[in-house]
Amino acid sequence: MSQAIPTSYRRVVLARRPPGEPAESDFRIETVPMPTVGTNQVLVRVVYMSLDPYMRGRMRDVASYAKPVGIGEVMEGGTVGEVVASNNPAFKPGDLVEERLGWQEYGLSNGHALRRIDPSLAPISTANGILGMPGLTAWFGLYEIGQPKPGETVVVSAASGAVGQVVGQLAKLSGCRVVGIAGGAKKCAFIRDELGFDAAVDYKAGNDLEGALRHACPNGIDVYFDNVGGPVTDAVIPLLNFWARVPLCGSISAYNAERPEMGPRLLWPMVGRRVTMRGFIVSDFAPRFEPARRAMGELVRSGRVKYREDIVDGIERAPRAFIGLLRGENFGKLLVRLGPDPTTMGR
């Protein structure tokens, strides 16, 4: 049952553009009046708010594939919530929905990008994770660009994260040997023992990362799914095989850098080995989201693909949690729970 609608709510806005690593003072929590629901609009109570590395780029005032967040504007982000009021005939109170409403406890939508969620498929939080943007990023990046073949070696960085954990499992289902790169013994144990990766390399364990990767990949690397860039990717490149494919998903190692790192680096092996390296944004594949989401949903329901979420409670904890995400402190898909989940109330 929907809760009574309050007269005000909280939101997080960008207070300052950080030159390097963000600080909590770069964000401001505001309490604002509840908006009036206009013609064809829908008011959503946000239950889960997604925190993702790409949001760091939105804090910079630079040209990119998406408009930056303005000073004083609500921070960008995906959300899952419950419709509490609607003047749109396509939605009614009680509907569970997903949209990019940002870091706020309530949000207005015109309905155009609002997607109804079926809670019988999986917990609704997964609409921001394995059945949402991160899962689709893994699906299309691996299958469309990585093109894994049985018997090949697939390496994925940030392997315990929201995207990486899915990439590795899909590669295993494709018959590949899968090696994950993660930070810390617990994350490495998770991807190896719980997710079924063939090997895990802890980039925090020592200085010879390339040597550790060489040991884990005796036949070289055919697909490298790159989520981090920087020194980790530097260690991977010399091990790439002829005709290797490298989906470029992100470069979290450099997101807080005050100046761009020198790069791209170590490109010389790519010429002779005919390596394909391609950057992508998941929205490139938007017309094909629903078939991929259905296929992923079946894998989750059957238990063939597992997932891990890292959930913190309260919008006031979002800035600190986001800073921790950029440091690699999260363990799994990072979400902020802003209020009661109607699908679990009373359990």
Protein backbone atom coordinates (compact mmCIF):
# COMPACT_ATOMS: atom_id res chain seq x y z
CA MET A 1 0.00 0.00 0.00
CA SER A 2 1.31 3.44 -0.90
CA GLN A 3 2.38 5.77 1.87
CA ALA A 4 0.84 9.20 2.41
CA ILE A 5 2.55 11.85 0.29
CA PRO A 6 4.50 14.31 2.48
CA THR A 7 4.60 18.04 1.85
CA SER A 8 8.36 18.13 1.26
CA TYR A 9 11.22 15.82 0.33
CA ARG A 10 15.00 15.78 0.18
CA ARG A 11 17.31 15.85 -2.81
CA VAL A 12 21.07 16.03 -3.44
CA VAL A 13 22.35 18.76 -5.74
CA LEU A 14 25.82 19.54 -7.07
CA ALA A 15 27.25 22.37 -4.98
CA ARG A 16 30.71 22.58 -6.53
CA ARG A 17 32.75 20.97 -9.30
CA PRO A 18 35.61 19.05 -7.66
CA PRO A 19 38.98 19.32 -9.42
CA GLY A 20 40.03 15.87 -8.19
CA GLU A 21 38.44 13.40 -5.82
CA PRO A 22 34.98 14.61 -4.75
CA ALA A 23 34.37 15.63 -1.15
CA GLU A 24 31.05 15.54 0.68
CA SER A 25 31.08 19.36 0.59
CA ASP A 26 30.75 19.18 -3.21
CA PHE A 27 27.17 18.04 -2.66
CA ARG A 28 24.29 19.76 -0.87
CA ILE A 29 21.22 18.10 0.61
CA GLU A 30 18.14 20.28 0.21
CA THR A 31 14.61 19.99 1.52
CA VAL A 32 12.12 21.28 -1.03
CA PRO A 33 8.31 21.44 -1.34
CA MET A 34 6.53 18.52 -2.98
CA PRO A 35 5.76 19.46 -6.60
CA THR A 36 2.30 19.66 -8.12
CA VAL A 37 1.56 16.82 -10.53
CA GLY A 38 0.74 18.40 -13.88
CA THR A 39 -0.99 17.14 -17.00
CA ASN A 40 0.31 13.70 -18.05
CA GLN A 41 2.82 13.75 -15.21
CA VAL A 42 3.59 10.99 -12.73
CA LEU A 43 4.94 11.43 -9.19
CA VAL A 44 7.29 8.64 -8.11
CA ARG A 45 8.48 7.83 -4.60
CA VAL A 46 12.04 6.64 -5.08
CA VAL A 47 12.82 3.38 -3.30
CA TYR A 48 16.28 2.59 -4.70
CA MET A 49 18.74 5.07 -6.17
CA SER A 50 21.69 3.88 -8.23
CA LEU A 51 25.28 5.08 -7.74
CA ASP A 52 27.55 4.50 -10.75
CA PRO A 53 31.08 5.57 -11.76
CA TYR A 54 29.90 7.50 -14.84
CA MET A 55 28.32 10.09 -12.53
CA ARG A 56 31.79 11.46 -11.80
CA GLY A 57 31.99 12.59 -15.42
CA ARG A 58 28.68 14.43 -15.08
CA MET A 59 30.27 16.58 -12.37
CA ARG A 60 32.75 18.04 -14.87
CA ASP A 61 31.82 20.97 -17.09
CA VAL A 62 33.23 19.40 -20.24
CA ALA A 63 31.74 18.24 -23.51
CA SER A 64 30.79 14.56 -23.43
CA TYR A 65 28.15 12.16 -24.69
CA ALA A 66 25.75 13.58 -22.07
CA LYS A 67 25.13 17.02 -20.61
CA PRO A 68 26.91 17.73 -17.32
CA VAL A 69 24.96 18.36 -14.14
CA GLY A 70 24.66 22.09 -13.51
CA ILE A 71 25.61 23.73 -10.22
CA GLY A 72 22.50 23.60 -8.03
CA GLU A 73 20.93 20.83 -10.13
CA VAL A 74 19.93 17.40 -8.87
CA MET A 75 22.65 14.80 -9.34
CA GLU A 76 22.09 12.45 -12.26
CA GLY A 77 21.16 8.82 -11.65
CA GLY A 78 18.88 5.89 -12.23
CA THR A 79 16.05 5.13 -9.80
CA VAL A 80 13.45 2.51 -9.01
CA GLY A 81 10.29 3.54 -7.26
CA GLU A 82 6.56 3.46 -6.73
CA VAL A 83 4.00 5.68 -8.43
CA VAL A 84 2.15 7.63 -5.74
CA ALA A 85 0.15 10.05 -7.92
CA SER A 86 -0.56 10.11 -11.63
CA ASN A 87 -2.26 12.30 -14.21
CA ASN A 88 -0.95 10.01 -16.95
CA PRO A 89 -3.39 7.33 -18.16
CA ALA A 90 -0.53 4.85 -18.72
CA PHE A 91 0.38 4.72 -15.01
CA LYS A 92 -1.52 4.39 -11.77
CA PRO A 93 -0.61 4.66 -8.08
CA GLY A 94 1.09 1.50 -6.89
CA ASP A 95 2.87 0.82 -10.18
CA LEU A 96 6.55 -0.05 -9.75
CA VAL A 97 8.70 1.83 -12.23
CA GLU A 98 12.23 2.68 -13.30
CA GLU A 99 13.54 5.97 -14.66
CA ARG A 100 16.47 8.35 -14.34
CA LEU A 101 15.00 10.68 -11.72
CA GLY A 102 18.30 11.43 -9.98
CA TRP A 103 19.37 11.73 -6.36
CA GLN A 104 16.05 12.62 -4.77
CA GLU A 105 13.36 11.01 -2.65
CA TYR A 106 10.54 11.93 -5.05
CA GLY A 107 10.57 12.76 -8.74
CA LEU A 108 8.22 13.89 -11.48
CA SER A 109 8.13 12.11 -14.83
CA ASN A 110 6.25 12.87 -18.04
CA GLY A 111 5.99 9.12 -18.58
CA HIS A 112 8.03 9.01 -21.78
CA ALA A 113 11.00 7.21 -20.23
CA LEU A 114 9.14 5.57 -17.36
CA ARG A 115 9.38 1.76 -17.50
CA ARG A 116 7.06 -0.47 -15.52
CA ILE A 117 8.79 -3.23 -13.52
CA ASP A 118 7.46 -6.75 -12.97
CA PRO A 119 8.40 -7.67 -9.37
CA SER A 120 7.76 -11.35 -10.06
CA LEU A 121 10.89 -11.54 -12.23
CA ALA A 122 13.41 -10.48 -9.57
CA PRO A 123 13.68 -7.99 -6.67
CA ILE A 124 12.89 -4.51 -7.95
CA SER A 125 16.36 -3.28 -6.99
CA THR A 126 17.74 -5.29 -9.92
CA ALA A 127 16.15 -2.80 -12.33
CA ASN A 128 19.10 -0.56 -11.42
CA GLY A 129 21.56 -3.44 -11.57
CA ILE A 130 21.71 -6.77 -13.32
CA LEU A 131 18.39 -6.19 -15.13
CA GLY A 132 19.15 -2.52 -15.72
CA MET A 133 21.95 -0.41 -17.13
CA PRO A 134 24.90 -2.37 -15.67
CA GLY A 135 23.57 -5.74 -16.79
CA LEU A 136 22.79 -4.46 -20.28
CA THR A 137 26.24 -2.86 -20.45
CA ALA A 138 27.80 -6.24 -19.71
CA TRP A 139 25.54 -8.03 -22.21
CA PHE A 140 26.14 -5.80 -25.20
CA GLY A 141 29.76 -4.98 -24.45
CA LEU A 142 30.67 -8.64 -24.19
CA TYR A 143 28.53 -10.12 -26.94
CA GLU A 144 28.61 -7.32 -29.52
CA ILE A 145 32.20 -6.15 -29.10
CA GLY A 146 33.97 -8.93 -27.19
CA GLN A 147 32.37 -11.70 -29.27
CA PRO A 148 33.62 -14.51 -26.99
CA LYS A 149 34.17 -17.96 -28.46
CA PRO A 150 34.36 -21.30 -26.60
CA GLY A 151 37.85 -22.02 -25.32
CA GLU A 152 39.01 -18.39 -25.39
CA THR A 153 40.36 -16.52 -22.38
CA VAL A 154 38.30 -13.54 -21.21
CA VAL A 155 39.69 -11.08 -18.67
CA VAL A 156 37.49 -8.48 -16.97
CA SER A 157 38.64 -5.67 -14.67
CA ALA A 158 36.58 -4.42 -11.71
CA ALA A 159 35.31 -7.99 -11.80
CA SER A 160 33.23 -7.88 -8.61
CA GLY A 161 31.46 -4.66 -9.63
CA ALA A 162 28.02 -4.24 -11.11
CA VAL A 163 29.18 -4.75 -14.70
CA GLY A 164 32.19 -6.98 -14.19
CA GLN A 165 30.43 -9.69 -12.22
CA VAL A 166 27.93 -10.12 -15.06
CA VAL A 167 30.54 -10.06 -17.83
CA GLY A 168 32.45 -12.92 -16.23
CA GLN A 169 29.41 -15.12 -15.75
CA LEU A 170 28.18 -14.55 -19.31
CA ALA A 171 31.65 -15.41 -20.61
CA LYS A 172 31.61 -18.65 -18.60
CA LEU A 173 28.24 -19.51 -20.13
CA SER A 174 29.88 -18.95 -23.52
CA GLY A 175 32.44 -21.64 -22.76
CA CYS A 176 35.38 -19.35 -22.03
CA ARG A 177 38.13 -19.41 -19.44
CA VAL A 178 37.42 -16.35 -17.30
CA VAL A 179 39.91 -14.38 -15.22
CA GLY A 180 38.73 -11.49 -13.06
CA ILE A 181 40.81 -8.62 -11.74
CA ALA A 182 39.55 -7.25 -8.41
CA GLY A 183 40.86 -5.42 -5.36
CA GLY A 184 41.25 -7.44 -2.19
CA ALA A 185 41.04 -11.06 -1.08
CA LYS A 186 37.30 -10.98 -0.33
CA LYS A 187 36.34 -9.73 -3.77
CA CYS A 188 38.65 -12.22 -5.43
CA ALA A 189 37.17 -15.08 -3.38
CA PHE A 190 33.66 -13.95 -4.34
CA ILE A 191 34.23 -13.99 -8.10
CA ARG A 192 36.15 -17.25 -7.97
CA ASP A 193 34.17 -19.26 -5.40
CA GLU A 194 30.65 -17.86 -5.75
CA LEU A 195 30.48 -16.69 -9.36
CA GLY A 196 32.62 -19.46 -10.82
CA PHE A 197 35.44 -17.50 -12.46
CA ASP A 198 38.40 -19.73 -13.28
CA ALA A 199 40.92 -17.42 -11.64
CA ALA A 200 41.07 -14.11 -9.79
CA VAL A 201 43.95 -11.64 -9.74
CA ASP A 202 44.18 -9.19 -6.84
CA TYR A 203 45.64 -5.97 -8.19
CA LYS A 204 46.25 -4.77 -4.64
CA ALA A 205 48.30 -7.83 -3.63
CA GLY A 206 51.67 -6.89 -5.10
CA ASN A 207 53.63 -4.92 -7.66
CA ASP A 208 53.92 -7.52 -10.45
CA LEU A 209 50.40 -7.39 -11.84
CA GLU A 210 51.51 -8.40 -15.33
CA GLY A 211 53.29 -11.44 -13.90
CA ALA A 212 50.18 -12.48 -11.96
CA LEU A 213 48.07 -12.09 -15.08
CA ARG A 214 50.56 -14.07 -17.16
CA HIS A 215 50.33 -16.90 -14.64
CA ALA A 216 46.51 -16.80 -14.68
CA CYS A 217 46.37 -16.58 -18.50
CA PRO A 218 48.95 -19.09 -19.80
CA ASN A 219 47.40 -18.97 -23.28
CA GLY A 220 47.21 -15.19 -23.44
CA ILE A 221 44.06 -13.03 -23.51
CA ASP A 222 41.47 -13.08 -26.29
CA VAL A 223 38.92 -10.65 -24.82
CA TYR A 224 39.63 -7.92 -22.30
CA PHE A 225 36.57 -6.12 -20.91
CA ASP A 226 38.04 -2.88 -19.60
CA ASN A 227 36.26 -1.08 -16.78
CA VAL A 228 39.22 0.69 -15.20
CA GLY A 229 41.97 1.76 -17.61
CA GLY A 230 45.28 2.97 -16.14
CA PRO A 231 47.94 0.61 -14.76
CA VAL A 232 45.61 -2.41 -14.79
CA THR A 233 45.03 -2.07 -18.51
CA ASP A 234 48.74 -1.43 -19.03
CA ALA A 235 49.40 -4.86 -17.50
CA VAL A 236 46.84 -6.55 -19.73
CA ILE A 237 47.85 -5.16 -23.13
CA PRO A 238 51.17 -7.04 -23.52
CA LEU A 239 49.26 -10.32 -23.00
CA LEU A 240 46.66 -9.76 -25.73
CA ASN A 241 46.57 -12.45 -28.40
CA PHE A 242 46.35 -12.02 -32.15
CA TRP A 243 42.85 -10.79 -33.12
CA ALA A 244 41.95 -9.98 -29.50
CA ARG A 245 38.94 -7.76 -28.82
CA VAL A 246 38.84 -5.04 -26.16
CA PRO A 247 35.46 -3.52 -25.21
CA LEU A 248 36.19 -0.17 -23.54
CA CYS A 249 33.48 0.34 -20.95
CA GLY A 250 35.04 2.75 -18.45
CA SER A 251 38.22 4.15 -16.93
CA ILE A 252 37.42 4.51 -13.25
CA SER A 253 41.11 4.68 -12.33
CA ALA A 254 41.30 8.15 -13.90
CA TYR A 255 37.90 9.62 -13.02
CA ASN A 256 39.27 11.64 -10.10
CA ALA A 257 42.48 12.74 -11.85
CA GLU A 258 43.00 16.50 -11.81
CA ARG A 259 44.77 16.25 -15.17
CA PRO A 260 44.30 13.62 -17.87
CA GLU A 261 46.82 10.80 -17.64
CA MET A 262 49.21 10.29 -20.52
CA GLY A 263 47.63 7.94 -22.98
CA PRO A 264 46.57 5.94 -24.73
CA ARG A 265 49.62 3.90 -23.76
CA LEU A 266 51.27 0.68 -24.92
CA LEU A 267 49.46 0.61 -28.24
CA TRP A 268 52.35 -0.94 -30.13
CA PRO A 269 51.25 -4.59 -29.59
CA MET A 270 47.85 -3.84 -31.09
CA VAL A 271 49.15 -3.21 -34.57
CA GLY A 272 51.04 -6.44 -35.14
CA ARG A 273 48.46 -8.52 -33.28
CA ARG A 274 45.49 -6.92 -35.12
CA VAL A 275 43.70 -6.10 -31.89
CA THR A 276 40.26 -4.46 -32.05
CA MET A 277 39.62 -1.87 -29.31
CA ARG A 278 36.21 -0.19 -29.27
CA GLY A 279 34.58 2.17 -26.86
CA PHE A 280 30.82 2.02 -26.38
CA ILE A 281 27.91 3.48 -24.44
CA VAL A 282 25.09 1.12 -23.55
CA SER A 283 22.49 3.45 -25.07
CA ASP A 284 24.02 2.60 -28.47
CA PHE A 285 21.97 -0.59 -28.23
CA ALA A 286 18.73 0.87 -26.84
CA PRO A 287 16.45 -0.59 -29.56
CA ARG A 288 17.49 -4.06 -28.40
CA PHE A 289 17.22 -3.60 -24.65
CA GLU A 290 14.03 -5.55 -24.04
CA PRO A 291 15.07 -8.86 -25.67
CA ALA A 292 18.37 -8.70 -23.79
CA ARG A 293 16.60 -7.87 -20.52
CA ARG A 294 14.25 -10.83 -20.96
CA ALA A 295 17.16 -13.17 -21.67
CA MET A 296 19.06 -11.88 -18.66
CA GLY A 297 15.95 -12.20 -16.49
CA GLU A 298 15.68 -15.87 -17.38
CA LEU A 299 19.33 -16.44 -16.49
CA VAL A 300 18.77 -14.77 -13.12
CA ARG A 301 15.55 -16.68 -12.40
CA SER A 302 17.19 -19.99 -13.26
CA GLY A 303 20.19 -19.23 -11.03
CA ARG A 304 22.64 -19.49 -13.90
CA VAL A 305 23.70 -15.87 -13.31
CA LYS A 306 24.09 -14.54 -9.78
CA TYR A 307 24.48 -11.00 -8.53
CA ARG A 308 25.57 -9.11 -5.45
CA GLU A 309 24.22 -5.76 -4.26
CA ASP A 310 25.74 -3.29 -1.80
CA ILE A 311 22.88 -1.26 -0.29
CA VAL A 312 23.18 1.74 2.03
CA ASP A 313 20.19 3.44 3.64
CA GLY A 314 19.27 7.11 3.52
CA ILE A 315 19.82 9.87 0.99
CA GLU A 316 22.14 11.65 3.43
CA ARG A 317 24.62 8.77 2.96
CA ALA A 318 24.70 9.03 -0.84
CA PRO A 319 27.64 11.47 -1.18
CA ARG A 320 29.91 9.43 1.08
CA ALA A 321 28.90 6.17 -0.60
CA PHE A 322 29.64 7.66 -4.02
CA ILE A 323 33.10 8.78 -2.92
CA GLY A 324 33.70 5.25 -1.67
CA LEU A 325 32.56 3.81 -5.00
CA LEU A 326 35.27 5.77 -6.81
CA ARG A 327 37.80 4.35 -4.32
CA GLY A 328 36.61 0.79 -4.93
CA GLU A 329 35.10 0.43 -1.45
CA ASN A 330 31.78 -1.00 -2.60
CA PHE A 331 31.26 -4.73 -2.99
CA GLY A 332 28.77 -5.37 -5.79
CA LYS A 333 26.18 -3.08 -7.35
CA LEU A 334 25.92 0.05 -5.16
CA LEU A 335 22.43 1.28 -4.32
CA VAL A 336 20.95 3.75 -1.85
CA ARG A 337 17.62 2.76 -0.32
CA LEU A 338 15.55 5.90 0.22
CA GLY A 339 12.40 4.36 1.65
CA PRO A 340 10.47 1.14 2.24
CA ASP A 341 10.34 -1.38 -0.58
CA PRO A 342 6.62 -2.12 -1.12
CA THR A 343 7.42 -5.63 -2.35
CA THR A 344 9.08 -6.61 0.92
CA MET A 345 6.92 -4.74 3.45
CA GLY A 346 5.30 -7.09 5.94
CA ARG A 347 7.75 -9.92 5.29
